C-alpha cells in the first residue's frame, strides 16, 4: 500500500512527484477550484488497497476500522485541528435500506475516536437517489450528484458558522465531496474540508 504524504496539492491533496512549495496547488485545482478548501486521504486507491476498501464498502468488514481511523487522522491532522464536526457523506434512504450500513459513517466514527472531533451524522441528507459514480467521467460525476445533498432544516445549527470535515471512503474526482461542500456552505458553514480513506491518483504534469 502507498500511504500519502507531502509534497501534495495544498488544496486537494493529490501527491506531487516533484518538489513543491507548501501552498502550491495542482493544475486541476487552479483551473477549477473544488468547493472544499482542503482534502486529504490516507492512501492511494490502487490494486493493493482496493480489496480493503471494497471489503468495507460492500461486505461491511469492520475489523480494520480502528487502523483506518488512525491513518485518516494522521493524513488530515492539519484540517482536524480546530474542526467542529465530522460530516459523513450520506446514503439515500433506499440505498441505506439495501446495504444496511453507511461505510462513510463507519469511517467517521473511527476518525472521531482517533481524533476526538465529534460527528454530526444527521446534518446532511442525500435527497436524490443518484446512480453509481463508477465508470463516469469527471463531468458526468459532477452532473450526477448536482443538487443531491441538502442540510436538514432542523439540523442547521450543527452547520452554521462551523468548521466541518466531510468524511468518505474514496476521493476520485472530488465531485461528491464538492457537492456536499456546496450544500454545507449554502447552509452557513464557515469552512468545509474533507478526509477520505483512499484517493485515486493520476500523474500530475507541473507544466500544464
N, C-alpha and C. Protein backbone atom coordinates (compact mmCIF):
# COMPACT_ATOMS: atom_id res chain seq x y z
N UNK A 1 0.83 -1.20 0.00
CA UNK A 1 0.00 0.00 0.00
C UNK A 1 0.86 1.24 0.00
N UNK A 2 0.37 2.28 -0.68
CA UNK A 2 1.11 3.54 -0.80
C UNK A 2 0.41 4.61 0.04
N UNK A 3 0.99 4.92 1.20
CA UNK A 3 0.42 5.97 2.04
C UNK A 3 0.81 7.34 1.49
N UNK A 4 -0.09 8.30 1.64
CA UNK A 4 0.12 9.63 1.07
C UNK A 4 0.77 10.57 2.07
N UNK A 5 1.64 11.41 1.57
CA UNK A 5 2.32 12.40 2.40
C UNK A 5 2.81 13.52 1.50
N UNK A 6 3.30 14.59 2.09
CA UNK A 6 3.84 15.70 1.32
C UNK A 6 5.03 15.23 0.48
N UNK A 7 5.29 15.92 -0.66
CA UNK A 7 4.58 17.10 -1.18
C UNK A 7 3.28 16.71 -1.88
N UNK A 8 2.26 17.51 -1.64
CA UNK A 8 0.97 17.29 -2.27
C UNK A 8 0.30 18.63 -2.54
N UNK A 9 -0.75 18.61 -3.36
CA UNK A 9 -1.50 19.82 -3.66
C UNK A 9 -2.08 20.38 -2.36
N UNK A 10 -1.85 21.66 -2.12
CA UNK A 10 -2.31 22.28 -0.88
C UNK A 10 -3.83 22.23 -0.76
N UNK A 11 -4.52 22.09 -1.88
CA UNK A 11 -5.98 22.09 -1.85
C UNK A 11 -6.56 20.66 -1.82
N UNK A 12 -6.32 19.88 -2.86
CA UNK A 12 -6.99 18.58 -2.96
C UNK A 12 -6.17 17.43 -2.42
N UNK A 13 -4.89 17.65 -2.14
CA UNK A 13 -4.07 16.61 -1.56
C UNK A 13 -3.49 15.60 -2.52
N UNK A 14 -3.65 15.85 -3.83
CA UNK A 14 -3.05 14.91 -4.78
C UNK A 14 -1.53 15.00 -4.67
N UNK A 15 -0.83 13.88 -4.63
CA UNK A 15 0.62 13.92 -4.41
C UNK A 15 1.39 14.43 -5.62
N UNK A 16 2.46 15.16 -5.36
CA UNK A 16 3.37 15.60 -6.41
C UNK A 16 4.57 14.67 -6.45
N UNK A 17 5.05 14.40 -7.65
CA UNK A 17 6.24 13.56 -7.80
C UNK A 17 7.49 14.40 -7.94
N UNK A 18 7.40 15.68 -7.59
CA UNK A 18 8.50 16.62 -7.71
C UNK A 18 8.43 17.58 -6.53
N UNK A 19 9.51 18.24 -6.18
CA UNK A 19 9.48 19.20 -5.06
C UNK A 19 8.45 20.30 -5.31
N UNK A 20 7.77 20.72 -4.26
CA UNK A 20 6.73 21.74 -4.41
C UNK A 20 6.70 22.61 -3.17
N UNK A 21 6.26 23.86 -3.36
CA UNK A 21 6.07 24.77 -2.24
C UNK A 21 4.90 24.30 -1.38
N UNK A 22 4.89 24.70 -0.12
CA UNK A 22 3.87 24.27 0.83
C UNK A 22 2.46 24.64 0.36
N UNK A 23 2.31 25.80 -0.27
CA UNK A 23 0.97 26.26 -0.68
C UNK A 23 0.69 26.06 -2.16
N UNK A 24 1.48 25.24 -2.83
CA UNK A 24 1.31 25.01 -4.26
C UNK A 24 0.08 24.15 -4.54
N UNK A 25 -0.72 24.54 -5.55
CA UNK A 25 -1.89 23.78 -5.93
C UNK A 25 -1.67 23.11 -7.29
N UNK A 26 -2.35 21.99 -7.50
CA UNK A 26 -2.20 21.25 -8.75
C UNK A 26 -2.94 21.98 -9.87
N UNK A 27 -2.61 21.69 -11.14
CA UNK A 27 -3.26 22.35 -12.27
C UNK A 27 -4.78 22.21 -12.25
N UNK A 28 -5.29 21.05 -11.83
CA UNK A 28 -6.74 20.84 -11.83
C UNK A 28 -7.44 21.78 -10.86
N UNK A 29 -6.87 21.98 -9.67
CA UNK A 29 -7.47 22.88 -8.69
C UNK A 29 -7.36 24.34 -9.11
N UNK A 30 -6.28 24.69 -9.78
CA UNK A 30 -6.12 26.05 -10.28
C UNK A 30 -7.13 26.35 -11.38
N UNK A 31 -7.38 25.36 -12.24
CA UNK A 31 -8.30 25.56 -13.36
C UNK A 31 -9.75 25.54 -12.91
N UNK A 32 -10.09 24.65 -11.96
CA UNK A 32 -11.47 24.53 -11.48
C UNK A 32 -11.43 24.24 -9.98
N UNK A 33 -11.34 25.27 -9.15
CA UNK A 33 -11.24 25.05 -7.70
C UNK A 33 -12.44 24.28 -7.16
N UNK A 34 -12.19 23.24 -6.37
CA UNK A 34 -13.31 22.50 -5.76
C UNK A 34 -14.00 23.32 -4.70
N UNK A 35 -15.19 22.89 -4.29
CA UNK A 35 -15.97 23.65 -3.31
C UNK A 35 -15.39 23.52 -1.90
N UNK A 36 -14.62 22.48 -1.63
CA UNK A 36 -13.98 22.32 -0.32
C UNK A 36 -12.65 23.06 -0.31
N UNK A 37 -12.22 23.51 0.85
CA UNK A 37 -10.99 24.28 0.93
C UNK A 37 -9.75 23.40 0.95
N UNK A 38 -9.86 22.20 1.51
CA UNK A 38 -8.75 21.24 1.52
C UNK A 38 -9.31 19.83 1.58
N UNK A 39 -8.56 18.88 1.02
CA UNK A 39 -8.92 17.46 1.14
C UNK A 39 -7.65 16.65 1.32
N UNK A 40 -7.72 15.66 2.19
CA UNK A 40 -6.58 14.79 2.44
C UNK A 40 -7.07 13.33 2.46
N UNK A 41 -6.18 12.41 2.10
CA UNK A 41 -6.51 10.99 2.07
C UNK A 41 -5.37 10.19 2.68
N UNK A 42 -5.70 9.02 3.23
CA UNK A 42 -4.70 8.21 3.92
C UNK A 42 -3.78 7.48 2.95
N UNK A 43 -4.34 6.87 1.90
CA UNK A 43 -3.51 6.10 0.99
C UNK A 43 -4.07 6.12 -0.43
N UNK A 44 -3.26 5.66 -1.37
CA UNK A 44 -3.63 5.62 -2.78
C UNK A 44 -4.60 4.46 -3.02
N UNK A 45 -5.63 4.72 -3.79
CA UNK A 45 -6.58 3.66 -4.19
C UNK A 45 -6.00 2.96 -5.41
N UNK A 46 -5.47 1.76 -5.20
CA UNK A 46 -4.83 1.02 -6.29
C UNK A 46 -5.07 -0.47 -6.09
N UNK A 47 -4.35 -1.30 -6.84
CA UNK A 47 -4.57 -2.74 -6.78
C UNK A 47 -4.30 -3.30 -5.39
N UNK A 48 -3.36 -2.70 -4.67
CA UNK A 48 -3.02 -3.20 -3.34
C UNK A 48 -4.08 -2.84 -2.30
N UNK A 49 -4.64 -1.64 -2.39
CA UNK A 49 -5.59 -1.17 -1.36
C UNK A 49 -7.05 -1.42 -1.71
N UNK A 50 -7.33 -1.64 -2.98
CA UNK A 50 -8.73 -1.80 -3.41
C UNK A 50 -9.48 -2.88 -2.62
N UNK A 51 -8.89 -4.06 -2.39
CA UNK A 51 -9.63 -5.08 -1.62
C UNK A 51 -10.03 -4.61 -0.22
N UNK A 52 -9.20 -3.80 0.43
CA UNK A 52 -9.53 -3.29 1.76
C UNK A 52 -10.74 -2.37 1.70
N UNK A 53 -10.73 -1.47 0.72
CA UNK A 53 -11.83 -0.50 0.60
C UNK A 53 -13.13 -1.21 0.23
N UNK A 54 -13.07 -2.13 -0.72
CA UNK A 54 -14.28 -2.81 -1.17
C UNK A 54 -14.84 -3.76 -0.11
N UNK A 55 -13.95 -4.35 0.70
CA UNK A 55 -14.45 -5.24 1.76
C UNK A 55 -15.22 -4.45 2.82
N UNK A 56 -14.86 -3.19 3.02
CA UNK A 56 -15.61 -2.33 3.93
C UNK A 56 -16.89 -1.86 3.27
N UNK A 57 -16.79 -1.38 2.04
CA UNK A 57 -17.93 -0.76 1.36
C UNK A 57 -19.04 -1.75 1.03
N UNK A 58 -18.67 -2.95 0.58
CA UNK A 58 -19.69 -3.89 0.10
C UNK A 58 -19.91 -5.10 1.00
N UNK A 59 -18.92 -5.40 1.85
CA UNK A 59 -19.07 -6.57 2.72
C UNK A 59 -19.19 -6.20 4.19
N UNK A 60 -19.02 -4.92 4.51
CA UNK A 60 -19.17 -4.50 5.89
C UNK A 60 -18.09 -4.99 6.82
N UNK A 61 -16.89 -5.23 6.28
CA UNK A 61 -15.78 -5.67 7.12
C UNK A 61 -15.31 -4.51 7.98
N UNK A 62 -15.44 -4.65 9.28
CA UNK A 62 -15.14 -3.55 10.19
C UNK A 62 -13.90 -3.80 11.05
N UNK A 63 -13.22 -4.94 10.86
CA UNK A 63 -12.12 -5.29 11.75
C UNK A 63 -10.93 -4.34 11.65
N UNK A 64 -10.81 -3.62 10.53
CA UNK A 64 -9.66 -2.71 10.37
C UNK A 64 -10.03 -1.25 10.61
N UNK A 65 -11.23 -0.98 11.07
CA UNK A 65 -11.69 0.41 11.20
C UNK A 65 -10.81 1.24 12.14
N UNK A 66 -10.36 0.66 13.23
CA UNK A 66 -9.53 1.43 14.17
C UNK A 66 -8.25 1.91 13.48
N UNK A 67 -7.64 1.04 12.69
CA UNK A 67 -6.44 1.43 11.94
C UNK A 67 -6.77 2.49 10.90
N UNK A 68 -7.90 2.32 10.19
CA UNK A 68 -8.29 3.32 9.20
C UNK A 68 -8.45 4.69 9.84
N UNK A 69 -9.08 4.72 11.01
CA UNK A 69 -9.28 5.98 11.71
C UNK A 69 -7.96 6.66 12.05
N UNK A 70 -7.00 5.88 12.52
CA UNK A 70 -5.69 6.45 12.85
C UNK A 70 -4.98 6.96 11.60
N UNK A 71 -5.06 6.21 10.51
CA UNK A 71 -4.40 6.62 9.27
C UNK A 71 -5.02 7.91 8.72
N UNK A 72 -6.35 8.00 8.78
CA UNK A 72 -7.03 9.20 8.30
C UNK A 72 -6.72 10.39 9.19
N UNK A 73 -6.62 10.16 10.49
CA UNK A 73 -6.29 11.25 11.42
C UNK A 73 -4.88 11.77 11.15
N UNK A 74 -3.96 10.88 10.84
CA UNK A 74 -2.60 11.28 10.52
C UNK A 74 -2.58 12.11 9.23
N UNK A 75 -3.26 11.63 8.20
CA UNK A 75 -3.26 12.33 6.91
C UNK A 75 -3.94 13.69 7.01
N UNK A 76 -4.98 13.78 7.82
CA UNK A 76 -5.75 15.02 7.90
C UNK A 76 -5.51 15.83 9.15
N UNK A 77 -4.37 15.64 9.78
CA UNK A 77 -4.10 16.32 11.06
C UNK A 77 -4.26 17.83 10.97
N UNK A 78 -3.80 18.43 9.87
CA UNK A 78 -3.84 19.89 9.74
C UNK A 78 -5.26 20.42 9.67
N UNK A 79 -6.19 19.65 9.09
CA UNK A 79 -7.56 20.16 8.96
C UNK A 79 -8.45 19.70 10.12
N UNK A 80 -8.01 18.73 10.87
CA UNK A 80 -8.78 18.32 12.05
C UNK A 80 -8.58 19.29 13.20
N UNK A 81 -7.45 19.98 13.22
CA UNK A 81 -7.19 20.96 14.26
C UNK A 81 -8.19 22.12 14.14
N UNK A 82 -8.98 22.31 15.16
CA UNK A 82 -9.97 23.38 15.15
C UNK A 82 -11.28 23.02 14.48
N UNK A 83 -11.42 21.79 13.99
CA UNK A 83 -12.68 21.39 13.35
C UNK A 83 -13.78 21.22 14.38
N UNK A 84 -15.01 21.58 14.01
CA UNK A 84 -16.15 21.46 14.92
C UNK A 84 -16.84 20.10 14.82
N UNK A 85 -16.88 19.54 13.61
CA UNK A 85 -17.61 18.28 13.45
C UNK A 85 -17.21 17.57 12.17
N UNK A 86 -17.38 16.24 12.19
CA UNK A 86 -17.19 15.40 11.02
C UNK A 86 -18.55 15.15 10.38
N UNK A 87 -18.62 15.25 9.07
CA UNK A 87 -19.88 15.05 8.34
C UNK A 87 -19.72 13.86 7.39
N UNK A 88 -20.24 12.69 7.71
CA UNK A 88 -20.13 11.56 6.78
C UNK A 88 -21.01 11.79 5.55
N UNK A 89 -20.50 11.41 4.39
CA UNK A 89 -21.31 11.51 3.16
C UNK A 89 -22.50 10.57 3.32
N UNK A 90 -23.72 11.09 3.24
CA UNK A 90 -24.89 10.24 3.49
C UNK A 90 -25.28 9.39 2.30
N UNK A 91 -25.91 8.26 2.57
CA UNK A 91 -26.54 7.44 1.54
C UNK A 91 -28.00 7.83 1.43
N UNK A 92 -28.59 7.61 0.27
CA UNK A 92 -30.03 7.80 0.13
C UNK A 92 -30.72 6.72 0.96
N UNK A 93 -31.89 7.01 1.48
CA UNK A 93 -32.59 6.08 2.37
C UNK A 93 -32.82 4.72 1.71
N UNK A 94 -33.11 4.73 0.41
CA UNK A 94 -33.32 3.46 -0.29
C UNK A 94 -32.05 2.63 -0.35
N UNK A 95 -30.92 3.28 -0.65
CA UNK A 95 -29.63 2.59 -0.71
C UNK A 95 -29.22 2.09 0.69
N UNK A 96 -29.52 2.90 1.70
CA UNK A 96 -29.17 2.51 3.06
C UNK A 96 -29.95 1.28 3.50
N UNK A 97 -31.23 1.20 3.13
CA UNK A 97 -32.04 0.03 3.49
C UNK A 97 -31.47 -1.24 2.85
N UNK A 98 -31.00 -1.12 1.61
CA UNK A 98 -30.45 -2.29 0.92
C UNK A 98 -29.11 -2.71 1.51
N UNK A 99 -28.23 -1.73 1.76
CA UNK A 99 -26.88 -2.04 2.24
C UNK A 99 -26.86 -2.28 3.75
N UNK A 100 -27.75 -1.59 4.47
CA UNK A 100 -27.92 -1.72 5.92
C UNK A 100 -26.83 -1.01 6.74
N UNK A 101 -25.90 -0.37 6.08
CA UNK A 101 -24.90 0.43 6.80
C UNK A 101 -24.34 1.46 5.83
N UNK A 102 -23.76 2.52 6.38
CA UNK A 102 -23.11 3.55 5.58
C UNK A 102 -21.62 3.52 5.91
N UNK A 103 -20.82 3.13 4.95
CA UNK A 103 -19.38 2.99 5.20
C UNK A 103 -18.74 4.33 5.58
N UNK A 104 -19.28 5.43 5.08
CA UNK A 104 -18.73 6.75 5.42
C UNK A 104 -18.97 7.08 6.89
N UNK A 105 -20.13 6.66 7.41
CA UNK A 105 -20.41 6.86 8.84
C UNK A 105 -19.48 6.00 9.69
N UNK A 106 -19.23 4.77 9.26
CA UNK A 106 -18.31 3.90 10.00
C UNK A 106 -16.91 4.53 10.05
N UNK A 107 -16.47 5.08 8.92
CA UNK A 107 -15.16 5.73 8.88
C UNK A 107 -15.15 6.99 9.74
N UNK A 108 -16.26 7.74 9.73
CA UNK A 108 -16.33 8.96 10.55
C UNK A 108 -16.24 8.61 12.03
N UNK A 109 -16.88 7.53 12.44
CA UNK A 109 -16.79 7.12 13.84
C UNK A 109 -15.36 6.73 14.22
N UNK A 110 -14.70 6.00 13.31
CA UNK A 110 -13.32 5.61 13.57
C UNK A 110 -12.41 6.83 13.64
N UNK A 111 -12.64 7.78 12.74
CA UNK A 111 -11.84 9.01 12.73
C UNK A 111 -12.12 9.84 13.98
N UNK A 112 -13.36 9.87 14.42
CA UNK A 112 -13.71 10.60 15.64
C UNK A 112 -13.00 9.99 16.85
N UNK A 113 -12.98 8.67 16.90
CA UNK A 113 -12.29 8.00 18.02
C UNK A 113 -10.80 8.32 18.03
N UNK A 114 -10.21 8.44 16.82
CA UNK A 114 -8.77 8.69 16.73
C UNK A 114 -8.42 10.16 16.94
N UNK A 115 -9.34 11.06 16.61
CA UNK A 115 -9.02 12.49 16.63
C UNK A 115 -9.69 13.27 17.76
N UNK A 116 -10.79 12.75 18.28
CA UNK A 116 -11.55 13.46 19.29
C UNK A 116 -12.54 14.47 18.74
N UNK A 117 -12.63 14.60 17.40
CA UNK A 117 -13.60 15.52 16.78
C UNK A 117 -14.97 14.84 16.74
N UNK A 118 -15.99 15.55 17.15
CA UNK A 118 -17.35 14.99 17.20
C UNK A 118 -17.91 14.75 15.80
N UNK A 119 -18.96 13.93 15.73
CA UNK A 119 -19.64 13.65 14.46
C UNK A 119 -21.01 14.31 14.48
N UNK A 120 -21.41 14.84 13.31
CA UNK A 120 -22.77 15.32 13.13
C UNK A 120 -23.39 14.43 12.05
N UNK A 121 -23.85 13.23 12.41
CA UNK A 121 -24.23 12.22 11.42
C UNK A 121 -25.52 12.49 10.68
N UNK A 122 -26.36 13.38 11.20
CA UNK A 122 -27.66 13.60 10.59
C UNK A 122 -27.83 14.99 9.98
N UNK A 123 -26.77 15.78 9.99
CA UNK A 123 -26.88 17.15 9.48
C UNK A 123 -27.14 17.19 7.98
N UNK A 124 -26.48 16.31 7.24
CA UNK A 124 -26.56 16.32 5.78
C UNK A 124 -27.38 15.13 5.30
N UNK A 125 -28.27 15.38 4.35
CA UNK A 125 -29.11 14.32 3.79
C UNK A 125 -28.89 14.20 2.29
N UNK A 126 -29.01 12.99 1.80
CA UNK A 126 -28.96 12.75 0.35
C UNK A 126 -30.42 12.72 -0.12
N UNK A 127 -30.83 13.76 -0.82
CA UNK A 127 -32.24 13.91 -1.16
C UNK A 127 -32.60 13.34 -2.52
N UNK A 128 -31.58 12.87 -3.24
CA UNK A 128 -31.82 12.27 -4.55
C UNK A 128 -31.02 10.98 -4.65
N UNK A 129 -31.68 9.90 -5.10
CA UNK A 129 -31.02 8.60 -5.21
C UNK A 129 -30.24 8.57 -6.52
N UNK A 130 -28.99 8.97 -6.47
CA UNK A 130 -28.16 9.05 -7.66
C UNK A 130 -27.68 7.67 -8.08
N UNK A 131 -27.36 7.53 -9.36
CA UNK A 131 -26.79 6.28 -9.86
C UNK A 131 -25.34 6.19 -9.40
N UNK A 132 -24.76 5.01 -9.48
CA UNK A 132 -23.38 4.82 -9.07
C UNK A 132 -22.44 5.69 -9.90
N UNK A 133 -21.37 6.17 -9.26
CA UNK A 133 -20.40 7.03 -9.92
C UNK A 133 -19.38 6.23 -10.75
N UNK A 134 -19.32 4.93 -10.51
CA UNK A 134 -18.34 4.10 -11.19
C UNK A 134 -18.46 4.16 -12.70
N UNK A 135 -17.34 4.38 -13.39
CA UNK A 135 -17.33 4.39 -14.85
C UNK A 135 -17.70 5.71 -15.48
N UNK A 136 -18.08 6.71 -14.67
CA UNK A 136 -18.46 8.01 -15.21
C UNK A 136 -17.26 8.93 -15.34
N UNK A 137 -17.31 9.84 -16.31
CA UNK A 137 -16.26 10.84 -16.46
C UNK A 137 -16.41 11.87 -15.34
N UNK A 138 -15.41 12.74 -15.22
CA UNK A 138 -15.44 13.76 -14.17
C UNK A 138 -16.67 14.66 -14.33
N UNK A 139 -16.97 15.08 -15.56
CA UNK A 139 -18.13 15.94 -15.79
C UNK A 139 -19.44 15.21 -15.49
N UNK A 140 -19.50 13.93 -15.88
CA UNK A 140 -20.71 13.15 -15.63
C UNK A 140 -20.90 12.91 -14.14
N UNK A 141 -19.81 12.71 -13.42
CA UNK A 141 -19.90 12.55 -11.97
C UNK A 141 -20.46 13.81 -11.31
N UNK A 142 -19.97 14.96 -11.77
CA UNK A 142 -20.44 16.22 -11.21
C UNK A 142 -21.93 16.42 -11.48
N UNK A 143 -22.37 16.11 -12.71
CA UNK A 143 -23.79 16.24 -13.04
C UNK A 143 -24.63 15.26 -12.24
N UNK A 144 -24.09 14.08 -12.02
CA UNK A 144 -24.84 13.03 -11.33
C UNK A 144 -25.18 13.40 -9.90
N UNK A 145 -24.27 14.10 -9.22
CA UNK A 145 -24.50 14.43 -7.80
C UNK A 145 -24.93 15.88 -7.59
N UNK A 146 -25.09 16.65 -8.66
CA UNK A 146 -25.50 18.05 -8.52
C UNK A 146 -26.86 18.14 -7.83
N UNK A 147 -26.93 18.86 -6.75
CA UNK A 147 -28.19 19.03 -6.02
C UNK A 147 -28.66 17.81 -5.26
N UNK A 148 -27.78 16.82 -5.09
CA UNK A 148 -28.19 15.57 -4.44
C UNK A 148 -28.17 15.65 -2.92
N UNK A 149 -27.55 16.70 -2.37
CA UNK A 149 -27.40 16.80 -0.91
C UNK A 149 -28.03 18.08 -0.38
N UNK A 150 -28.53 17.99 0.85
CA UNK A 150 -29.15 19.16 1.47
C UNK A 150 -29.01 19.05 2.98
N UNK A 151 -28.78 20.17 3.63
CA UNK A 151 -28.73 20.19 5.10
C UNK A 151 -30.16 20.15 5.63
N UNK A 152 -30.40 19.25 6.58
CA UNK A 152 -31.73 19.16 7.18
C UNK A 152 -32.02 20.45 7.95
N UNK A 153 -33.20 21.01 7.74
CA UNK A 153 -33.55 22.29 8.33
C UNK A 153 -33.42 22.27 9.84
N UNK A 154 -33.84 21.19 10.47
CA UNK A 154 -33.79 21.12 11.94
C UNK A 154 -32.36 20.92 12.46
N UNK A 155 -31.40 20.72 11.53
CA UNK A 155 -30.01 20.49 11.91
C UNK A 155 -29.10 21.66 11.52
N UNK A 156 -29.67 22.75 11.08
CA UNK A 156 -28.87 23.87 10.60
C UNK A 156 -27.92 24.41 11.66
N UNK A 157 -28.32 24.33 12.93
CA UNK A 157 -27.46 24.83 14.00
C UNK A 157 -26.16 24.03 14.11
N UNK A 158 -26.15 22.80 13.58
CA UNK A 158 -24.94 21.97 13.60
C UNK A 158 -23.98 22.35 12.47
N UNK A 159 -24.44 23.21 11.57
CA UNK A 159 -23.67 23.59 10.37
C UNK A 159 -23.28 25.06 10.37
N UNK A 160 -24.21 25.92 10.79
CA UNK A 160 -23.99 27.36 10.68
C UNK A 160 -22.75 27.82 11.46
N UNK A 161 -21.89 28.57 10.76
CA UNK A 161 -20.67 29.14 11.33
C UNK A 161 -19.77 28.05 11.95
N UNK A 162 -19.77 26.88 11.35
CA UNK A 162 -18.96 25.77 11.86
C UNK A 162 -17.87 25.41 10.84
N UNK A 163 -16.79 24.85 11.37
CA UNK A 163 -15.70 24.32 10.53
C UNK A 163 -15.93 22.81 10.44
N UNK A 164 -16.29 22.35 9.26
CA UNK A 164 -16.76 20.99 9.07
C UNK A 164 -15.81 20.18 8.19
N UNK A 165 -15.74 18.88 8.47
CA UNK A 165 -14.88 17.96 7.71
C UNK A 165 -15.75 16.84 7.15
N UNK A 166 -15.87 16.79 5.83
CA UNK A 166 -16.61 15.72 5.17
C UNK A 166 -15.76 14.45 5.22
N UNK A 167 -16.41 13.30 5.47
CA UNK A 167 -15.70 12.02 5.52
C UNK A 167 -16.31 11.06 4.50
N UNK A 168 -15.45 10.45 3.67
CA UNK A 168 -15.91 9.48 2.68
C UNK A 168 -14.85 8.40 2.52
N UNK A 169 -15.19 7.37 1.73
CA UNK A 169 -14.24 6.27 1.57
C UNK A 169 -13.20 6.54 0.49
N UNK A 170 -13.62 6.99 -0.70
CA UNK A 170 -12.68 7.19 -1.81
C UNK A 170 -12.88 8.56 -2.44
N UNK A 171 -11.79 9.26 -2.67
CA UNK A 171 -11.77 10.54 -3.40
C UNK A 171 -11.33 10.21 -4.83
N UNK A 172 -12.24 10.32 -5.78
CA UNK A 172 -11.90 10.03 -7.18
C UNK A 172 -11.70 11.33 -7.94
N UNK A 173 -12.78 12.02 -8.28
CA UNK A 173 -12.66 13.32 -8.94
C UNK A 173 -12.98 14.47 -7.99
N UNK A 174 -13.55 14.15 -6.84
CA UNK A 174 -13.96 15.19 -5.89
C UNK A 174 -15.37 15.69 -6.11
N UNK A 175 -16.10 15.09 -7.05
CA UNK A 175 -17.45 15.56 -7.37
C UNK A 175 -18.40 15.42 -6.18
N UNK A 176 -18.37 14.27 -5.52
CA UNK A 176 -19.26 14.07 -4.36
C UNK A 176 -18.87 14.98 -3.21
N UNK A 177 -17.58 15.09 -2.95
CA UNK A 177 -17.11 15.96 -1.87
C UNK A 177 -17.52 17.41 -2.13
N UNK A 178 -17.38 17.86 -3.38
CA UNK A 178 -17.75 19.23 -3.71
C UNK A 178 -19.25 19.45 -3.59
N UNK A 179 -20.04 18.47 -4.01
CA UNK A 179 -21.50 18.60 -3.91
C UNK A 179 -21.92 18.72 -2.45
N UNK A 180 -21.30 17.93 -1.58
CA UNK A 180 -21.59 18.02 -0.15
C UNK A 180 -21.14 19.36 0.41
N UNK A 181 -19.94 19.79 0.00
CA UNK A 181 -19.41 21.07 0.49
C UNK A 181 -20.32 22.24 0.10
N UNK A 182 -20.83 22.23 -1.11
CA UNK A 182 -21.73 23.31 -1.55
C UNK A 182 -22.98 23.36 -0.68
N UNK A 183 -23.55 22.20 -0.39
CA UNK A 183 -24.75 22.17 0.43
C UNK A 183 -24.47 22.70 1.83
N UNK A 184 -23.34 22.34 2.40
CA UNK A 184 -22.97 22.79 3.74
C UNK A 184 -22.70 24.29 3.76
N UNK A 185 -22.03 24.79 2.72
CA UNK A 185 -21.73 26.22 2.67
C UNK A 185 -22.99 27.05 2.44
N UNK A 186 -23.92 26.53 1.66
CA UNK A 186 -25.19 27.24 1.47
C UNK A 186 -25.95 27.35 2.78
N UNK A 187 -25.75 26.38 3.66
CA UNK A 187 -26.44 26.39 4.95
C UNK A 187 -25.68 27.20 6.00
N UNK A 188 -24.56 27.82 5.61
CA UNK A 188 -23.88 28.73 6.51
C UNK A 188 -22.59 28.23 7.13
N UNK A 189 -22.04 27.09 6.66
CA UNK A 189 -20.77 26.61 7.21
C UNK A 189 -19.67 27.61 6.97
N UNK A 190 -18.80 27.79 7.95
CA UNK A 190 -17.69 28.74 7.81
C UNK A 190 -16.60 28.19 6.91
N UNK A 191 -16.29 26.91 7.06
CA UNK A 191 -15.25 26.28 6.25
C UNK A 191 -15.58 24.80 6.11
N UNK A 192 -15.29 24.25 4.93
CA UNK A 192 -15.57 22.84 4.68
C UNK A 192 -14.33 22.19 4.07
N UNK A 193 -13.84 21.16 4.72
CA UNK A 193 -12.70 20.38 4.24
C UNK A 193 -13.15 18.92 4.11
N UNK A 194 -12.23 18.05 3.74
CA UNK A 194 -12.62 16.64 3.55
C UNK A 194 -11.45 15.72 3.86
N UNK A 195 -11.78 14.55 4.39
CA UNK A 195 -10.81 13.48 4.60
C UNK A 195 -11.41 12.18 4.09
N UNK A 196 -10.66 11.46 3.26
CA UNK A 196 -11.11 10.16 2.79
C UNK A 196 -10.07 9.09 3.14
N UNK A 197 -10.54 7.86 3.13
CA UNK A 197 -9.63 6.76 3.40
C UNK A 197 -8.62 6.61 2.26
N UNK A 198 -9.10 6.68 1.02
CA UNK A 198 -8.23 6.48 -0.14
C UNK A 198 -8.54 7.51 -1.21
N UNK A 199 -7.63 7.63 -2.18
CA UNK A 199 -7.91 8.50 -3.32
C UNK A 199 -7.25 7.94 -4.56
N UNK A 200 -7.93 8.15 -5.68
CA UNK A 200 -7.39 7.78 -6.98
C UNK A 200 -6.34 8.83 -7.34
N UNK A 201 -5.19 8.37 -7.76
CA UNK A 201 -4.07 9.28 -8.08
C UNK A 201 -3.68 9.14 -9.54
N UNK A 202 -3.66 10.27 -10.22
CA UNK A 202 -3.19 10.31 -11.62
C UNK A 202 -1.95 11.18 -11.68
N UNK A 203 -1.05 10.89 -12.61
CA UNK A 203 0.18 11.71 -12.70
C UNK A 203 -0.15 13.19 -12.91
N UNK A 204 0.62 14.05 -12.26
CA UNK A 204 0.44 15.50 -12.38
C UNK A 204 1.60 16.08 -13.15
N UNK A 205 1.30 16.78 -14.23
CA UNK A 205 2.33 17.45 -15.02
C UNK A 205 2.44 18.89 -14.54
N UNK A 206 3.54 19.30 -13.93
CA UNK A 206 3.66 20.65 -13.39
C UNK A 206 3.65 21.74 -14.45
N UNK A 207 3.82 21.38 -15.70
CA UNK A 207 3.86 22.37 -16.77
C UNK A 207 2.50 22.61 -17.39
N UNK A 208 1.49 21.86 -16.98
CA UNK A 208 0.15 22.05 -17.53
C UNK A 208 -0.72 22.84 -16.58
